[in-house]
Every structure is written in C-alpha cells, then in structure tokens.
Amino acid sequence: MIPVQQLVVGDGKDGRPYGDCTRACVASIFELPIDQVPNFAAAAPRDPAAIARAAGRR
C-alpha cells in the first residue's frame, strides 16, 4: 500500500464539489496514481457498488 493524498475536499453542499477521500483510499490500496481512479462521490454519490465495478475492471 502506498499513501495517496486526496485532492478535493468538500461535501457537495452549497455548490462545493464532493471530496475524493474514497478515491484516495482506493488508489492507496491498489497502489495507483489518484488520477487513474474515478472520484466515486462525484460520479455516483448514491451508488455504493461503483467501487466494486471499478475494481472489477482492473
């Protein structure tokens, strides 16, 4: 595992973007650059299966 810092901080409220802490965690676990992992919260905020589908493509 390699540490990856999140790039976006936010909660999607008041016009702010959704943060990408989940994306940073997945990038760390799979040892990928963060730009190779989708921002799950922004792309599909109510889709918990998005991570499983993305992992299946690896």
PDB file of N, CA and C in Angstrom:
ATOM      1  N   MET A   1       0.841  -1.179   0.000  1.00  0.00           N
ATOM      2  CA  MET A   1       0.000   0.000   0.000  1.00  0.00           C
ATOM      3  C   MET A   1       0.885   1.241   0.000  1.00  0.00           C
ATOM      4  N   ILE A   2       0.501   2.230  -0.799  1.00  0.00           N
ATOM      5  CA  ILE A   2       1.221   3.496  -0.811  1.00  0.00           C
ATOM      6  C   ILE A   2       0.267   4.612  -0.381  1.00  0.00           C
ATOM      7  N   PRO A   3       0.712   5.553   0.423  1.00  0.00           N
ATOM      8  CA  PRO A   3      -0.151   6.657   0.835  1.00  0.00           C
ATOM      9  C   PRO A   3      -0.451   7.591  -0.347  1.00  0.00           C
ATOM     10  N   VAL A   4      -1.714   7.950  -0.504  1.00  0.00           N
ATOM     11  CA  VAL A   4      -2.144   8.886  -1.544  1.00  0.00           C
ATOM     12  C   VAL A   4      -3.010   9.952  -0.880  1.00  0.00           C
ATOM     13  N   GLN A   5      -2.684  11.206  -1.087  1.00  0.00           N
ATOM     14  CA  GLN A   5      -3.455  12.314  -0.516  1.00  0.00           C
ATOM     15  C   GLN A   5      -4.655  12.640  -1.390  1.00  0.00           C
ATOM     16  N   GLN A   6      -5.776  12.955  -0.742  1.00  0.00           N
ATOM     17  CA  GLN A   6      -6.932  13.390  -1.517  1.00  0.00           C
ATOM     18  C   GLN A   6      -6.643  14.760  -2.119  1.00  0.00           C
ATOM     19  N   LEU A   7      -7.255  15.021  -3.269  1.00  0.00           N
ATOM     20  CA  LEU A   7      -7.027  16.280  -3.977  1.00  0.00           C
ATOM     21  C   LEU A   7      -8.165  17.270  -3.790  1.00  0.00           C
ATOM     22  N   VAL A   8      -9.369  16.764  -3.526  1.00  0.00           N
ATOM     23  CA  VAL A   8     -10.564  17.599  -3.427  1.00  0.00           C
ATOM     24  C   VAL A   8     -11.178  17.422  -2.049  1.00  0.00           C
ATOM     25  N   VAL A   9     -11.472  18.531  -1.380  1.00  0.00           N
ATOM     26  CA  VAL A   9     -12.122  18.484  -0.078  1.00  0.00           C
ATOM     27  C   VAL A   9     -13.465  19.194  -0.212  1.00  0.00           C
ATOM     28  N   GLY A  10     -14.531  18.527   0.139  1.00  0.00           N
ATOM     29  CA  GLY A  10     -15.854  19.135   0.056  1.00  0.00           C
ATOM     30  C   GLY A  10     -16.932  18.112   0.330  1.00  0.00           C
ATOM     31  N   ASP A  11     -18.152  18.600   0.550  1.00  0.00           N
ATOM     32  CA  ASP A  11     -19.257  17.697   0.875  1.00  0.00           C
ATOM     33  C   ASP A  11     -20.405  17.784  -0.128  1.00  0.00           C
ATOM     34  N   GLY A  12     -20.199  18.493  -1.231  1.00  0.00           N
ATOM     35  CA  GLY A  12     -21.228  18.593  -2.258  1.00  0.00           C
ATOM     36  C   GLY A  12     -22.332  19.585  -1.938  1.00  0.00           C
ATOM     37  N   LYS A  13     -22.233  20.249  -0.813  1.00  0.00           N
ATOM     38  CA  LYS A  13     -23.261  21.214  -0.422  1.00  0.00           C
ATOM     39  C   LYS A  13     -22.854  22.621  -0.839  1.00  0.00           C
ATOM     40  N   ASP A  14     -23.833  23.459  -1.021  1.00  0.00           N
ATOM     41  CA  ASP A  14     -23.615  24.875  -1.338  1.00  0.00           C
ATOM     42  C   ASP A  14     -22.718  25.075  -2.557  1.00  0.00           C
ATOM     43  N   GLY A  15     -22.845  24.195  -3.549  1.00  0.00           N
ATOM     44  CA  GLY A  15     -22.083  24.342  -4.774  1.00  0.00           C
ATOM     45  C   GLY A  15     -20.646  23.858  -4.711  1.00  0.00           C
ATOM     46  N   ARG A  16     -20.224  23.382  -3.553  1.00  0.00           N
ATOM     47  CA  ARG A  16     -18.861  22.853  -3.427  1.00  0.00           C
ATOM     48  C   ARG A  16     -18.814  21.448  -4.024  1.00  0.00           C
ATOM     49  N   PRO A  17     -17.662  21.032  -4.555  1.00  0.00           N
ATOM     50  CA  PRO A  17     -17.569  19.680  -5.122  1.00  0.00           C
ATOM     51  C   PRO A  17     -17.538  18.624  -4.026  1.00  0.00           C
ATOM     52  N   TYR A  18     -17.869  17.408  -4.397  1.00  0.00           N
ATOM     53  CA  TYR A  18     -17.700  16.287  -3.478  1.00  0.00           C
ATOM     54  C   TYR A  18     -16.216  15.999  -3.345  1.00  0.00           C
ATOM     55  N   GLY A  19     -15.770  15.689  -2.151  1.00  0.00           N
ATOM     56  CA  GLY A  19     -14.372  15.349  -1.932  1.00  0.00           C
ATOM     57  C   GLY A  19     -14.015  13.995  -2.548  1.00  0.00           C
ATOM     58  N   ASP A  20     -12.738  13.712  -2.574  1.00  0.00           N
ATOM     59  CA  ASP A  20     -12.304  12.456  -3.182  1.00  0.00           C
ATOM     60  C   ASP A  20     -11.496  11.581  -2.222  1.00  0.00           C
ATOM     61  N   CYS A  21     -11.893  11.565  -0.939  1.00  0.00           N
ATOM     62  CA  CYS A  21     -11.168  10.748   0.033  1.00  0.00           C
ATOM     63  C   CYS A  21     -11.315   9.256  -0.268  1.00  0.00           C
ATOM     64  N   THR A  22     -12.483   8.822  -0.753  1.00  0.00           N
ATOM     65  CA  THR A  22     -12.658   7.413  -1.106  1.00  0.00           C
ATOM     66  C   THR A  22     -11.746   7.062  -2.272  1.00  0.00           C
ATOM     67  N   ARG A  23     -11.665   7.937  -3.228  1.00  0.00           N
ATOM     68  CA  ARG A  23     -10.781   7.726  -4.372  1.00  0.00           C
ATOM     69  C   ARG A  23      -9.332   7.600  -3.919  1.00  0.00           C
ATOM     70  N   ALA A  24      -8.905   8.433  -2.971  1.00  0.00           N
ATOM     71  CA  ALA A  24      -7.538   8.366  -2.457  1.00  0.00           C
ATOM     72  C   ALA A  24      -7.291   7.043  -1.721  1.00  0.00           C
ATOM     73  N   CYS A  25      -8.282   6.576  -0.980  1.00  0.00           N
ATOM     74  CA  CYS A  25      -8.143   5.282  -0.280  1.00  0.00           C
ATOM     75  C   CYS A  25      -7.992   4.138  -1.267  1.00  0.00           C
ATOM     76  N   VAL A  26      -8.826   4.112  -2.291  1.00  0.00           N
ATOM     77  CA  VAL A  26      -8.755   3.049  -3.300  1.00  0.00           C
ATOM     78  C   VAL A  26      -7.419   3.114  -4.036  1.00  0.00           C
ATOM     79  N   ALA A  27      -6.971   4.309  -4.379  1.00  0.00           N
ATOM     80  CA  ALA A  27      -5.678   4.462  -5.049  1.00  0.00           C
ATOM     81  C   ALA A  27      -4.546   3.944  -4.159  1.00  0.00           C
ATOM     82  N   SER A  28      -4.629   4.215  -2.868  1.00  0.00           N
ATOM     83  CA  SER A  28      -3.612   3.725  -1.934  1.00  0.00           C
ATOM     84  C   SER A  28      -3.579   2.207  -1.891  1.00  0.00           C
ATOM     85  N   ILE A  29      -4.739   1.599  -1.750  1.00  0.00           N
ATOM     86  CA  ILE A  29      -4.830   0.141  -1.639  1.00  0.00           C
ATOM     87  C   ILE A  29      -4.314  -0.548  -2.897  1.00  0.00           C
ATOM     88  N   PHE A  30      -4.715  -0.032  -4.066  1.00  0.00           N
ATOM     89  CA  PHE A  30      -4.312  -0.655  -5.327  1.00  0.00           C
ATOM     90  C   PHE A  30      -2.979  -0.117  -5.865  1.00  0.00           C
ATOM     91  N   GLU A  31      -2.364   0.794  -5.091  1.00  0.00           N
ATOM     92  CA  GLU A  31      -1.082   1.389  -5.461  1.00  0.00           C
ATOM     93  C   GLU A  31      -1.120   2.004  -6.866  1.00  0.00           C
ATOM     94  N   LEU A  32      -2.134   2.852  -7.050  1.00  0.00           N
ATOM     95  CA  LEU A  32      -2.328   3.535  -8.327  1.00  0.00           C
ATOM     96  C   LEU A  32      -2.200   5.037  -8.135  1.00  0.00           C
ATOM     97  N   PRO A  33      -1.825   5.758  -9.179  1.00  0.00           N
ATOM     98  CA  PRO A  33      -1.903   7.219  -9.112  1.00  0.00           C
ATOM     99  C   PRO A  33      -3.379   7.618  -8.978  1.00  0.00           C
ATOM    100  N   ILE A  34      -3.646   8.645  -8.227  1.00  0.00           N
ATOM    101  CA  ILE A  34      -5.034   9.046  -7.962  1.00  0.00           C
ATOM    102  C   ILE A  34      -5.788   9.391  -9.243  1.00  0.00           C
ATOM    103  N   ASP A  35      -5.092   9.868 -10.258  1.00  0.00           N
ATOM    104  CA  ASP A  35      -5.788  10.231 -11.497  1.00  0.00           C
ATOM    105  C   ASP A  35      -6.237   9.013 -12.310  1.00  0.00           C
ATOM    106  N   GLN A  36      -5.847   7.810 -11.905  1.00  0.00           N
ATOM    107  CA  GLN A  36      -6.310   6.594 -12.572  1.00  0.00           C
ATOM    108  C   GLN A  36      -7.518   5.973 -11.877  1.00  0.00           C
ATOM    109  N   VAL A  37      -8.019   6.636 -10.836  1.00  0.00           N
ATOM    110  CA  VAL A  37      -9.168   6.144 -10.077  1.00  0.00           C
ATOM    111  C   VAL A  37     -10.279   7.189 -10.177  1.00  0.00           C
ATOM    112  N   PRO A  38     -11.516   6.761 -10.478  1.00  0.00           N
ATOM    113  CA  PRO A  38     -12.597   7.752 -10.574  1.00  0.00           C
ATOM    114  C   PRO A  38     -12.951   8.327  -9.206  1.00  0.00           C
ATOM    115  N   ASN A  39     -13.446   9.553  -9.211  1.00  0.00           N
ATOM    116  CA  ASN A  39     -13.951  10.158  -7.975  1.00  0.00           C
ATOM    117  C   ASN A  39     -15.362   9.623  -7.767  1.00  0.00           C
ATOM    118  N   PHE A  40     -15.486   8.583  -6.971  1.00  0.00           N
ATOM    119  CA  PHE A  40     -16.744   7.881  -6.796  1.00  0.00           C
ATOM    120  C   PHE A  40     -17.848   8.787  -6.252  1.00  0.00           C
ATOM    121  N   ALA A  41     -17.526   9.647  -5.324  1.00  0.00           N
ATOM    122  CA  ALA A  41     -18.544  10.519  -4.730  1.00  0.00           C
ATOM    123  C   ALA A  41     -19.111  11.497  -5.748  1.00  0.00           C
ATOM    124  N   ALA A  42     -18.280  12.024  -6.619  1.00  0.00           N
ATOM    125  CA  ALA A  42     -18.755  12.982  -7.618  1.00  0.00           C
ATOM    126  C   ALA A  42     -19.472  12.276  -8.761  1.00  0.00           C
ATOM    127  N   ALA A  43     -18.956  11.117  -9.164  1.00  0.00           N
ATOM    128  CA  ALA A  43     -19.531  10.407 -10.312  1.00  0.00           C
ATOM    129  C   ALA A  43     -20.841   9.704  -9.962  1.00  0.00           C
ATOM    130  N   ALA A  44     -20.914   9.127  -8.792  1.00  0.00           N
ATOM    131  CA  ALA A  44     -22.097   8.345  -8.412  1.00  0.00           C
ATOM    132  C   ALA A  44     -22.294   8.427  -6.896  1.00  0.00           C
ATOM    133  N   PRO A  45     -22.733   9.586  -6.386  1.00  0.00           N
ATOM    134  CA  PRO A  45     -22.798   9.763  -4.930  1.00  0.00           C
ATOM    135  C   PRO A  45     -23.721   8.786  -4.213  1.00  0.00           C
ATOM    136  N   ARG A  46     -24.667   8.208  -4.898  1.00  0.00           N
ATOM    137  CA  ARG A  46     -25.581   7.276  -4.244  1.00  0.00           C
ATOM    138  C   ARG A  46     -25.442   5.862  -4.811  1.00  0.00           C
ATOM    139  N   ASP A  47     -24.258   5.525  -5.256  1.00  0.00           N
ATOM    140  CA  ASP A  47     -24.032   4.224  -5.878  1.00  0.00           C
ATOM    141  C   ASP A  47     -22.881   3.492  -5.192  1.00  0.00           C
ATOM    142  N   PRO A  48     -23.162   2.781  -4.083  1.00  0.00           N
ATOM    143  CA  PRO A  48     -22.086   2.107  -3.357  1.00  0.00           C
ATOM    144  C   PRO A  48     -21.410   0.998  -4.161  1.00  0.00           C
ATOM    145  N   ALA A  49     -22.036   0.497  -5.194  1.00  0.00           N
ATOM    146  CA  ALA A  49     -21.438  -0.579  -5.998  1.00  0.00           C
ATOM    147  C   ALA A  49     -20.420  -0.059  -7.010  1.00  0.00           C
ATOM    148  N   ALA A  50     -20.279   1.251  -7.127  1.00  0.00           N
ATOM    149  CA  ALA A  50     -19.343   1.848  -8.103  1.00  0.00           C
ATOM    150  C   ALA A  50     -17.912   1.380  -7.851  1.00  0.00           C
ATOM    151  N   ILE A  51     -17.520   1.269  -6.580  1.00  0.00           N
ATOM    152  CA  ILE A  51     -16.160   0.832  -6.259  1.00  0.00           C
ATOM    153  C   ILE A  51     -15.941  -0.604  -6.724  1.00  0.00           C
ATOM    154  N   ALA A  52     -16.908  -1.467  -6.484  1.00  0.00           N
ATOM    155  CA  ALA A  52     -16.785  -2.876  -6.886  1.00  0.00           C
ATOM    156  C   ALA A  52     -16.675  -2.993  -8.407  1.00  0.00           C
ATOM    157  N   ARG A  53     -17.465  -2.212  -9.119  1.00  0.00           N
ATOM    158  CA  ARG A  53     -17.396  -2.260 -10.589  1.00  0.00           C
ATOM    159  C   ARG A  53     -16.040  -1.766 -11.079  1.00  0.00           C
ATOM    160  N   ALA A  54     -15.531  -0.699 -10.489  1.00  0.00           N
ATOM    161  CA  ALA A  54     -14.229  -0.176 -10.898  1.00  0.00           C
ATOM    162  C   ALA A  54     -13.119  -1.177 -10.581  1.00  0.00           C
ATOM    163  N   ALA A  55     -13.204  -1.835  -9.455  1.00  0.00           N
ATOM    164  CA  ALA A  55     -12.188  -2.832  -9.088  1.00  0.00           C
ATOM    165  C   ALA A  55     -12.252  -4.029 -10.041  1.00  0.00           C
ATOM    166  N   GLY A  56     -13.418  -4.371 -10.519  1.00  0.00           N
ATOM    167  CA  GLY A  56     -13.577  -5.486 -11.444  1.00  0.00           C
ATOM    168  C   GLY A  56     -12.948  -5.235 -12.788  1.00  0.00           C
ATOM    169  N   ARG A  57     -12.757  -3.962 -13.135  1.00  0.00           N
ATOM    170  CA  ARG A  57     -12.120  -3.625 -14.417  1.00  0.00           C
ATOM    171  C   ARG A  57     -10.611  -3.714 -14.342  1.00  0.00           C
ATOM    172  N   ARG A  58     -10.038  -3.900 -13.187  1.00  0.00           N
ATOM    173  CA  ARG A  58      -8.576  -3.936 -13.007  1.00  0.00           C
ATOM    174  C   ARG A  58      -8.068  -5.304 -13.295  1.00  0.00           C
TER     175      ARG A  58
END
